[in-house]
Every structure is written in C-alpha cells, then in structure tokens.
Amino acid sequence: MVSPELLRRYPYFGVLADAHLKEIAMIAEETTIEKGAEIFEECGLADKLYLLQDGSVDLFFKVVEEYRPDLTKEFMVGEINPGEVFAISALIEPYSLNATAKVTKTCKVIVVDAVALRNLCEKDPLLGYQIMQETAKVLMERLGYMRLQLAAATH
C-alpha cells in the first residue's frame, strides 16, 4: 500500500477524487529497481501499471528478421521520465505488453495491480472514465514521440 497523497502528486492520478485515490493506494506498492534490470518483456502479460518516481526507464521493441530469426534488432521506442506511467497496456485489451522496459538509471516506482484497478474501474464508471482519459493522454504523447522518431529515421 502507498499513501493516497503520494499518488495525488502525479498528474495521471491527480484528477481523481479522494475515495478513488484511497482505493488505488490499497492496490499499489513502492519498490526500487536497479540499473540494468529488465522490468518486463514485450509480449508478456500486462498485469501491472507502473509510475516512475525517480530514475530512468527506456522502452524497446524487438524486430525479428523473417528469413533469419537468429538476427534480431532492438529499437528504442520510448523513454520514461519521472512522473510518467508505463505499461499502460495493462489497462487496454488484450493486456499484452508491446515493449520491453529496461532500467537505465536505478529507479523508484509505484507498482499498481492492474487487474485490481480494472475491476475498480468496472465497478465505478466515473473512475474508469477518468483513468481512460489519462491513459489516452499518455498514448497521444507516446504517439507524438514515435512520429518524431520515425521522421528522424527517414531523413
């Protein structure tokens, strides 16, 4: 469990009512992850939502050559900064991770049980709506970042 006030500090959760923050705080915990660790791997089950408090996490996408499966390339597709959520796939069906997350600087994170959060959202449509609004904002920001990377790669 974490403090509801701790969650309130971050924009993703800052829009929520006190009662909602308390419910989410009950299904969240703080942890530290060392530099070099892989938090999760692409295509894995997305059952946790992460909020980076301190440190740095990079997101990678693997490309496997169709005719040479032994040749794989890894591309950085995102950088998570303090205050940002990641593994938002945990809130969107089919709940499968679409990137690999690697710690580039020892980090402190809040880990939210996403299955429990989805259940809370199903029981309370207002909470579900607010969480999805914040998730959509994150997706749009990430899409913008990807567009910039794609434009830079083609020039």
N, C-alpha and C. Protein backbone atom coordinates (compact mmCIF):
# COMPACT_ATOMS: atom_id res chain seq x y z
N MET A 1 0.84 -1.19 0.00
CA MET A 1 0.00 0.00 0.00
C MET A 1 0.88 1.25 0.00
N VAL A 2 0.42 2.26 -0.71
CA VAL A 2 1.10 3.56 -0.70
C VAL A 2 0.12 4.60 -0.17
N SER A 3 0.62 5.76 0.08
CA SER A 3 -0.23 6.85 0.56
C SER A 3 -1.04 7.44 -0.60
N PRO A 4 -2.33 7.70 -0.37
CA PRO A 4 -3.11 8.37 -1.42
C PRO A 4 -2.50 9.73 -1.78
N GLU A 5 -1.90 10.39 -0.80
CA GLU A 5 -1.27 11.70 -1.06
C GLU A 5 -0.08 11.57 -2.00
N LEU A 6 0.61 10.45 -1.92
CA LEU A 6 1.73 10.20 -2.84
C LEU A 6 1.20 10.10 -4.27
N LEU A 7 0.13 9.38 -4.48
CA LEU A 7 -0.46 9.26 -5.82
C LEU A 7 -0.93 10.61 -6.34
N ARG A 8 -1.51 11.42 -5.46
CA ARG A 8 -2.06 12.72 -5.85
C ARG A 8 -1.00 13.63 -6.47
N ARG A 9 0.25 13.44 -6.13
CA ARG A 9 1.34 14.29 -6.63
C ARG A 9 1.56 14.16 -8.14
N TYR A 10 1.06 13.07 -8.72
CA TYR A 10 1.34 12.79 -10.12
C TYR A 10 0.12 13.07 -10.99
N PRO A 11 0.33 13.75 -12.13
CA PRO A 11 -0.80 14.15 -12.98
C PRO A 11 -1.75 13.01 -13.35
N TYR A 12 -1.20 11.82 -13.60
CA TYR A 12 -2.05 10.70 -14.03
C TYR A 12 -3.12 10.40 -12.99
N PHE A 13 -2.78 10.48 -11.72
CA PHE A 13 -3.73 10.19 -10.65
C PHE A 13 -4.30 11.45 -10.01
N GLY A 14 -3.71 12.60 -10.28
CA GLY A 14 -4.09 13.85 -9.63
C GLY A 14 -5.51 14.31 -9.87
N VAL A 15 -6.15 13.83 -10.91
CA VAL A 15 -7.53 14.24 -11.24
C VAL A 15 -8.57 13.46 -10.44
N LEU A 16 -8.14 12.42 -9.74
CA LEU A 16 -9.09 11.52 -9.07
C LEU A 16 -9.56 12.04 -7.72
N ALA A 17 -10.76 11.65 -7.35
CA ALA A 17 -11.34 12.01 -6.05
C ALA A 17 -10.61 11.25 -4.94
N ASP A 18 -10.71 11.78 -3.74
CA ASP A 18 -10.04 11.16 -2.58
C ASP A 18 -10.40 9.68 -2.42
N ALA A 19 -11.67 9.36 -2.57
CA ALA A 19 -12.10 7.97 -2.40
C ALA A 19 -11.43 7.05 -3.42
N HIS A 20 -11.29 7.53 -4.66
CA HIS A 20 -10.65 6.74 -5.70
C HIS A 20 -9.15 6.58 -5.41
N LEU A 21 -8.53 7.65 -4.97
CA LEU A 21 -7.11 7.57 -4.63
C LEU A 21 -6.86 6.56 -3.52
N LYS A 22 -7.75 6.53 -2.54
CA LYS A 22 -7.61 5.58 -1.43
C LYS A 22 -7.72 4.15 -1.93
N GLU A 23 -8.66 3.91 -2.83
CA GLU A 23 -8.83 2.56 -3.38
C GLU A 23 -7.59 2.12 -4.16
N ILE A 24 -7.05 3.02 -4.96
CA ILE A 24 -5.87 2.68 -5.76
C ILE A 24 -4.65 2.52 -4.87
N ALA A 25 -4.54 3.35 -3.85
CA ALA A 25 -3.41 3.25 -2.92
C ALA A 25 -3.36 1.88 -2.26
N MET A 26 -4.51 1.28 -2.05
CA MET A 26 -4.59 -0.04 -1.41
C MET A 26 -4.04 -1.16 -2.32
N ILE A 27 -4.01 -0.93 -3.62
CA ILE A 27 -3.55 -1.97 -4.55
C ILE A 27 -2.21 -1.60 -5.18
N ALA A 28 -1.49 -0.68 -4.56
CA ALA A 28 -0.22 -0.20 -5.08
C ALA A 28 0.88 -0.38 -4.03
N GLU A 29 2.10 -0.46 -4.53
CA GLU A 29 3.25 -0.54 -3.63
C GLU A 29 4.45 0.15 -4.27
N GLU A 30 5.35 0.62 -3.43
CA GLU A 30 6.58 1.24 -3.90
C GLU A 30 7.69 0.20 -3.93
N THR A 31 8.56 0.32 -4.92
CA THR A 31 9.72 -0.57 -4.99
C THR A 31 10.85 0.14 -5.71
N THR A 32 12.06 -0.37 -5.51
CA THR A 32 13.24 0.15 -6.19
C THR A 32 13.74 -0.93 -7.14
N ILE A 33 14.14 -0.52 -8.34
CA ILE A 33 14.65 -1.46 -9.33
C ILE A 33 16.02 -0.95 -9.78
N GLU A 34 16.99 -1.84 -9.74
CA GLU A 34 18.37 -1.47 -10.02
C GLU A 34 18.65 -1.26 -11.51
N LYS A 35 19.64 -0.40 -11.78
CA LYS A 35 20.08 -0.13 -13.15
C LYS A 35 20.44 -1.44 -13.83
N GLY A 36 20.03 -1.57 -15.09
CA GLY A 36 20.32 -2.76 -15.88
C GLY A 36 19.23 -3.81 -15.84
N ALA A 37 18.33 -3.69 -14.89
CA ALA A 37 17.25 -4.69 -14.77
C ALA A 37 16.23 -4.52 -15.89
N GLU A 38 15.64 -5.63 -16.27
CA GLU A 38 14.54 -5.62 -17.22
C GLU A 38 13.26 -5.74 -16.40
N ILE A 39 12.39 -4.75 -16.49
CA ILE A 39 11.17 -4.74 -15.68
C ILE A 39 10.14 -5.70 -16.26
N PHE A 40 9.99 -5.65 -17.58
CA PHE A 40 9.09 -6.57 -18.26
C PHE A 40 9.54 -6.72 -19.69
N GLU A 41 9.04 -7.78 -20.34
CA GLU A 41 9.43 -8.08 -21.72
C GLU A 41 8.23 -8.01 -22.65
N GLU A 42 8.48 -7.52 -23.83
CA GLU A 42 7.48 -7.42 -24.88
C GLU A 42 6.74 -8.75 -25.04
N CYS A 43 5.45 -8.66 -25.26
CA CYS A 43 4.54 -9.79 -25.47
C CYS A 43 4.16 -10.50 -24.17
N GLY A 44 4.69 -10.06 -23.03
CA GLY A 44 4.32 -10.66 -21.76
C GLY A 44 2.94 -10.18 -21.32
N LEU A 45 2.42 -10.82 -20.30
CA LEU A 45 1.13 -10.44 -19.74
C LEU A 45 1.25 -9.09 -19.04
N ALA A 46 0.36 -8.18 -19.38
CA ALA A 46 0.36 -6.84 -18.78
C ALA A 46 -0.60 -6.84 -17.60
N ASP A 47 -0.07 -7.06 -16.42
CA ASP A 47 -0.92 -7.11 -15.23
C ASP A 47 -0.53 -6.10 -14.16
N LYS A 48 0.42 -5.23 -14.51
CA LYS A 48 0.85 -4.18 -13.59
C LYS A 48 0.97 -2.86 -14.34
N LEU A 49 0.61 -1.79 -13.67
CA LEU A 49 0.79 -0.44 -14.18
C LEU A 49 1.89 0.18 -13.33
N TYR A 50 2.85 0.85 -13.98
CA TYR A 50 3.99 1.42 -13.27
C TYR A 50 3.96 2.94 -13.35
N LEU A 51 4.37 3.58 -12.27
CA LEU A 51 4.55 5.02 -12.23
C LEU A 51 5.98 5.26 -11.79
N LEU A 52 6.77 5.90 -12.64
CA LEU A 52 8.16 6.18 -12.32
C LEU A 52 8.26 7.40 -11.42
N GLN A 53 8.82 7.20 -10.24
CA GLN A 53 9.00 8.30 -9.30
C GLN A 53 10.37 8.95 -9.49
N ASP A 54 11.38 8.11 -9.70
CA ASP A 54 12.75 8.61 -9.83
C ASP A 54 13.53 7.60 -10.66
N GLY A 55 14.51 8.10 -11.41
CA GLY A 55 15.33 7.22 -12.24
C GLY A 55 14.96 7.35 -13.70
N SER A 56 15.31 6.30 -14.46
CA SER A 56 15.07 6.35 -15.90
C SER A 56 14.82 4.94 -16.43
N VAL A 57 13.83 4.86 -17.33
CA VAL A 57 13.47 3.58 -17.97
C VAL A 57 13.34 3.83 -19.46
N ASP A 58 13.92 2.94 -20.26
CA ASP A 58 13.78 3.01 -21.71
C ASP A 58 12.92 1.84 -22.18
N LEU A 59 12.14 2.10 -23.22
CA LEU A 59 11.28 1.08 -23.81
C LEU A 59 11.87 0.66 -25.16
N PHE A 60 11.89 -0.64 -25.39
CA PHE A 60 12.48 -1.20 -26.60
C PHE A 60 11.49 -2.11 -27.31
N PHE A 61 11.62 -2.16 -28.63
CA PHE A 61 10.81 -3.04 -29.47
C PHE A 61 11.77 -3.93 -30.25
N LYS A 62 11.51 -5.23 -30.27
CA LYS A 62 12.37 -6.17 -30.99
C LYS A 62 11.78 -6.47 -32.36
N VAL A 63 12.65 -6.52 -33.34
CA VAL A 63 12.27 -6.89 -34.70
C VAL A 63 13.05 -8.13 -35.06
N VAL A 64 12.33 -9.17 -35.45
CA VAL A 64 12.95 -10.44 -35.84
C VAL A 64 12.89 -10.54 -37.36
N GLU A 65 14.04 -10.79 -37.98
CA GLU A 65 14.08 -10.96 -39.43
C GLU A 65 13.30 -12.22 -39.81
N GLU A 66 12.38 -12.09 -40.76
CA GLU A 66 11.51 -13.20 -41.12
C GLU A 66 12.30 -14.42 -41.61
N TYR A 67 13.30 -14.19 -42.44
CA TYR A 67 14.05 -15.31 -43.03
C TYR A 67 15.30 -15.65 -42.24
N ARG A 68 15.62 -14.84 -41.25
CA ARG A 68 16.78 -15.11 -40.39
C ARG A 68 16.39 -14.83 -38.94
N PRO A 69 15.61 -15.73 -38.33
CA PRO A 69 15.14 -15.48 -36.96
C PRO A 69 16.25 -15.33 -35.93
N ASP A 70 17.47 -15.76 -36.31
CA ASP A 70 18.59 -15.60 -35.39
C ASP A 70 19.07 -14.14 -35.36
N LEU A 71 18.64 -13.36 -36.34
CA LEU A 71 19.00 -11.94 -36.38
C LEU A 71 17.84 -11.11 -35.83
N THR A 72 18.03 -10.57 -34.67
CA THR A 72 17.00 -9.69 -34.11
C THR A 72 17.63 -8.32 -33.86
N LYS A 73 16.83 -7.32 -34.05
CA LYS A 73 17.27 -5.95 -33.81
C LYS A 73 16.37 -5.36 -32.73
N GLU A 74 16.95 -4.55 -31.90
CA GLU A 74 16.19 -3.92 -30.83
C GLU A 74 16.23 -2.40 -31.05
N PHE A 75 15.06 -1.79 -31.06
CA PHE A 75 14.96 -0.35 -31.29
C PHE A 75 14.37 0.32 -30.06
N MET A 76 15.00 1.41 -29.63
CA MET A 76 14.43 2.18 -28.53
C MET A 76 13.22 2.94 -29.06
N VAL A 77 12.08 2.76 -28.40
CA VAL A 77 10.86 3.39 -28.87
C VAL A 77 10.26 4.37 -27.86
N GLY A 78 10.93 4.52 -26.73
CA GLY A 78 10.41 5.46 -25.75
C GLY A 78 11.30 5.58 -24.54
N GLU A 79 11.20 6.72 -23.90
CA GLU A 79 11.95 6.99 -22.68
C GLU A 79 10.95 7.44 -21.63
N ILE A 80 10.97 6.77 -20.48
CA ILE A 80 10.05 7.12 -19.40
C ILE A 80 10.79 8.00 -18.42
N ASN A 81 10.19 9.13 -18.10
CA ASN A 81 10.78 10.09 -17.17
C ASN A 81 9.99 10.11 -15.87
N PRO A 82 10.62 10.60 -14.80
CA PRO A 82 9.90 10.66 -13.52
C PRO A 82 8.55 11.36 -13.66
N GLY A 83 7.55 10.75 -13.02
CA GLY A 83 6.19 11.28 -13.07
C GLY A 83 5.32 10.64 -14.12
N GLU A 84 5.92 9.82 -14.99
CA GLU A 84 5.17 9.20 -16.08
C GLU A 84 4.78 7.76 -15.73
N VAL A 85 3.64 7.34 -16.28
CA VAL A 85 3.20 5.95 -16.14
C VAL A 85 3.68 5.16 -17.35
N PHE A 86 3.84 3.87 -17.15
CA PHE A 86 4.18 2.99 -18.26
C PHE A 86 3.58 1.61 -18.03
N ALA A 87 3.61 0.80 -19.08
CA ALA A 87 2.90 -0.49 -19.12
C ALA A 87 1.40 -0.24 -19.13
N ILE A 88 0.98 0.81 -19.84
CA ILE A 88 -0.44 1.14 -19.91
C ILE A 88 -1.22 0.08 -20.68
N SER A 89 -0.52 -0.82 -21.34
CA SER A 89 -1.19 -1.96 -21.98
C SER A 89 -1.96 -2.78 -20.97
N ALA A 90 -1.60 -2.65 -19.70
CA ALA A 90 -2.29 -3.37 -18.63
C ALA A 90 -3.73 -2.90 -18.47
N LEU A 91 -4.07 -1.78 -19.09
CA LEU A 91 -5.43 -1.25 -18.99
C LEU A 91 -6.21 -1.37 -20.29
N ILE A 92 -5.58 -1.93 -21.32
CA ILE A 92 -6.19 -2.00 -22.64
C ILE A 92 -6.10 -3.43 -23.17
N GLU A 93 -7.26 -3.99 -23.53
CA GLU A 93 -7.25 -5.35 -24.07
C GLU A 93 -6.38 -5.41 -25.31
N PRO A 94 -5.63 -6.46 -25.52
CA PRO A 94 -5.67 -7.78 -24.89
C PRO A 94 -4.73 -7.92 -23.68
N TYR A 95 -4.34 -6.83 -23.07
CA TYR A 95 -3.50 -6.83 -21.88
C TYR A 95 -2.16 -7.55 -22.14
N SER A 96 -1.54 -7.18 -23.24
CA SER A 96 -0.25 -7.74 -23.64
C SER A 96 0.75 -6.60 -23.80
N LEU A 97 1.92 -6.77 -23.25
CA LEU A 97 2.94 -5.71 -23.29
C LEU A 97 3.46 -5.55 -24.72
N ASN A 98 3.62 -4.30 -25.15
CA ASN A 98 4.05 -4.05 -26.52
C ASN A 98 5.48 -3.52 -26.60
N ALA A 99 6.21 -3.60 -25.50
CA ALA A 99 7.62 -3.18 -25.48
C ALA A 99 8.31 -3.87 -24.32
N THR A 100 9.63 -3.80 -24.33
CA THR A 100 10.44 -4.29 -23.22
C THR A 100 10.94 -3.06 -22.47
N ALA A 101 10.85 -3.09 -21.14
CA ALA A 101 11.28 -1.95 -20.32
C ALA A 101 12.57 -2.30 -19.60
N LYS A 102 13.59 -1.45 -19.80
CA LYS A 102 14.89 -1.65 -19.16
C LYS A 102 15.25 -0.42 -18.34
N VAL A 103 15.78 -0.66 -17.15
CA VAL A 103 16.16 0.42 -16.24
C VAL A 103 17.53 0.94 -16.67
N THR A 104 17.60 2.23 -17.00
CA THR A 104 18.87 2.84 -17.40
C THR A 104 19.51 3.62 -16.27
N LYS A 105 18.74 3.92 -15.25
CA LYS A 105 19.23 4.57 -14.03
C LYS A 105 18.36 4.04 -12.90
N THR A 106 18.99 3.51 -11.84
CA THR A 106 18.23 2.92 -10.75
C THR A 106 16.99 3.75 -10.47
N CYS A 107 15.86 3.07 -10.35
CA CYS A 107 14.62 3.82 -10.24
C CYS A 107 13.75 3.36 -9.08
N LYS A 108 12.93 4.29 -8.68
CA LYS A 108 11.91 4.04 -7.67
C LYS A 108 10.58 4.13 -8.41
N VAL A 109 9.76 3.08 -8.24
CA VAL A 109 8.49 3.05 -8.95
C VAL A 109 7.35 2.70 -8.00
N ILE A 110 6.17 3.14 -8.39
CA ILE A 110 4.94 2.68 -7.75
C ILE A 110 4.36 1.65 -8.71
N VAL A 111 4.07 0.48 -8.19
CA VAL A 111 3.51 -0.61 -8.99
C VAL A 111 2.06 -0.79 -8.57
N VAL A 112 1.14 -0.68 -9.53
CA VAL A 112 -0.29 -0.83 -9.27
C VAL A 112 -0.75 -2.16 -9.85
N ASP A 113 -1.47 -2.92 -9.07
CA ASP A 113 -2.06 -4.17 -9.55
C ASP A 113 -3.13 -3.79 -10.58
N ALA A 114 -2.81 -4.00 -11.85
CA ALA A 114 -3.70 -3.54 -12.92
C ALA A 114 -4.99 -4.35 -13.01
N VAL A 115 -4.94 -5.62 -12.65
CA VAL A 115 -6.16 -6.42 -12.66
C VAL A 115 -7.15 -5.86 -11.64
N ALA A 116 -6.64 -5.55 -10.45
CA ALA A 116 -7.49 -4.95 -9.42
C ALA A 116 -7.98 -3.57 -9.85
N LEU A 117 -7.11 -2.79 -10.52
CA LEU A 117 -7.51 -1.47 -10.99
C LEU A 117 -8.61 -1.59 -12.05
N ARG A 118 -8.48 -2.54 -12.95
CA ARG A 118 -9.54 -2.74 -13.96
C ARG A 118 -10.86 -3.11 -13.29
N ASN A 119 -10.78 -3.92 -12.25
CA ASN A 119 -12.01 -4.29 -11.51
C ASN A 119 -12.64 -3.07 -10.85
N LEU A 120 -11.81 -2.20 -10.27
CA LEU A 120 -12.33 -0.97 -9.67
C LEU A 120 -13.01 -0.10 -10.74
N CYS A 121 -12.40 -0.02 -11.91
CA CYS A 121 -12.94 0.79 -13.00
C CYS A 121 -14.27 0.23 -13.50
N GLU A 122 -14.39 -1.09 -13.51
CA GLU A 122 -15.65 -1.70 -13.95
C GLU A 122 -16.77 -1.42 -12.95
N LYS A 123 -16.44 -1.38 -11.68
CA LYS A 123 -17.45 -1.14 -10.64
C LYS A 123 -17.85 0.33 -10.56
N ASP A 124 -16.92 1.21 -10.94
CA ASP A 124 -17.17 2.65 -10.82
C ASP A 124 -16.89 3.33 -12.17
N PRO A 125 -17.93 3.56 -12.96
CA PRO A 125 -17.75 4.14 -14.30
C PRO A 125 -17.03 5.49 -14.30
N LEU A 126 -17.21 6.31 -13.28
CA LEU A 126 -16.52 7.60 -13.25
C LEU A 126 -15.01 7.37 -13.13
N LEU A 127 -14.60 6.48 -12.25
CA LEU A 127 -13.19 6.15 -12.12
C LEU A 127 -12.66 5.60 -13.44
N GLY A 128 -13.40 4.69 -14.04
CA GLY A 128 -12.98 4.11 -15.31
C GLY A 128 -12.81 5.16 -16.39
N TYR A 129 -13.75 6.09 -16.45
CA TYR A 129 -13.69 7.17 -17.43
C TYR A 129 -12.45 8.04 -17.21
N GLN A 130 -12.21 8.42 -15.97
CA GLN A 130 -11.06 9.28 -15.67
C GLN A 130 -9.73 8.58 -15.95
N ILE A 131 -9.64 7.31 -15.59
CA ILE A 131 -8.42 6.56 -15.86
C ILE A 131 -8.20 6.44 -17.37
N MET A 132 -9.26 6.17 -18.12
CA MET A 132 -9.11 6.04 -19.57
C MET A 132 -8.77 7.38 -20.22
N GLN A 133 -9.29 8.48 -19.68
CA GLN A 133 -8.92 9.80 -20.21
C GLN A 133 -7.43 10.04 -20.02
N GLU A 134 -6.91 9.73 -18.85
CA GLU A 134 -5.48 9.92 -18.58
C GLU A 134 -4.64 8.97 -19.43
N THR A 135 -5.13 7.76 -19.61
CA THR A 135 -4.42 6.78 -20.43
C THR A 135 -4.36 7.25 -21.89
N ALA A 136 -5.45 7.80 -22.38
CA ALA A 136 -5.49 8.33 -23.75
C ALA A 136 -4.48 9.47 -23.91
N LYS A 137 -4.35 10.32 -22.91
CA LYS A 137 -3.36 11.41 -22.98
C LYS A 137 -1.95 10.84 -23.11
N VAL A 138 -1.65 9.81 -22.31
CA VAL A 138 -0.34 9.18 -22.37
C VAL A 138 -0.11 8.57 -23.76
N LEU A 139 -1.11 7.90 -24.29
CA LEU A 139 -0.98 7.29 -25.62
C LEU A 139 -0.72 8.34 -26.69
N MET A 140 -1.41 9.45 -26.61
CA MET A 140 -1.22 10.51 -27.61
C MET A 140 0.19 11.10 -27.52
N GLU A 141 0.70 11.28 -26.31
CA GLU A 141 2.07 11.78 -26.14
C GLU A 141 3.08 10.79 -26.73
N ARG A 142 2.87 9.51 -26.47
CA ARG A 142 3.79 8.49 -26.98
C ARG A 142 3.71 8.40 -28.50
N LEU A 143 2.52 8.57 -29.05
CA LEU A 143 2.36 8.57 -30.50
C LEU A 143 3.14 9.73 -31.12
N GLY A 144 3.07 10.89 -30.50
CA GLY A 144 3.82 12.05 -30.98
C GLY A 144 5.32 11.78 -30.97
N TYR A 145 5.80 11.16 -29.90
CA TYR A 145 7.21 10.83 -29.79
C TYR A 145 7.62 9.85 -30.89
N MET A 146 6.77 8.85 -31.14
CA MET A 146 7.07 7.86 -32.18
C MET A 146 7.10 8.51 -33.57
N ARG A 147 6.22 9.46 -33.79
CA ARG A 147 6.22 10.15 -35.09
C ARG A 147 7.52 10.91 -35.30
N LEU A 148 8.00 11.56 -34.24
CA LEU A 148 9.26 12.28 -34.34
C LEU A 148 10.41 11.32 -34.63
N GLN A 149 10.42 10.18 -33.95
CA GLN A 149 11.47 9.18 -34.20
C GLN A 149 11.40 8.66 -35.62
N LEU A 150 10.21 8.40 -36.11
CA LEU A 150 10.05 7.90 -37.47
C LEU A 150 10.51 8.93 -38.48
N ALA A 151 10.16 10.19 -38.26
CA ALA A 151 10.59 11.26 -39.17
C ALA A 151 12.10 11.40 -39.17
N ALA A 152 12.72 11.29 -38.00
CA ALA A 152 14.18 11.40 -37.91
C ALA A 152 14.86 10.22 -38.58
N ALA A 153 14.27 9.05 -38.51
CA ALA A 153 14.87 7.86 -39.10
C ALA A 153 14.79 7.86 -40.62
N THR A 154 13.85 8.59 -41.18
CA THR A 154 13.68 8.58 -42.63
C THR A 154 14.48 9.70 -43.31
N HIS A 155 15.14 10.53 -42.52
CA HIS A 155 15.93 11.63 -43.13
C HIS A 155 17.40 11.39 -42.98
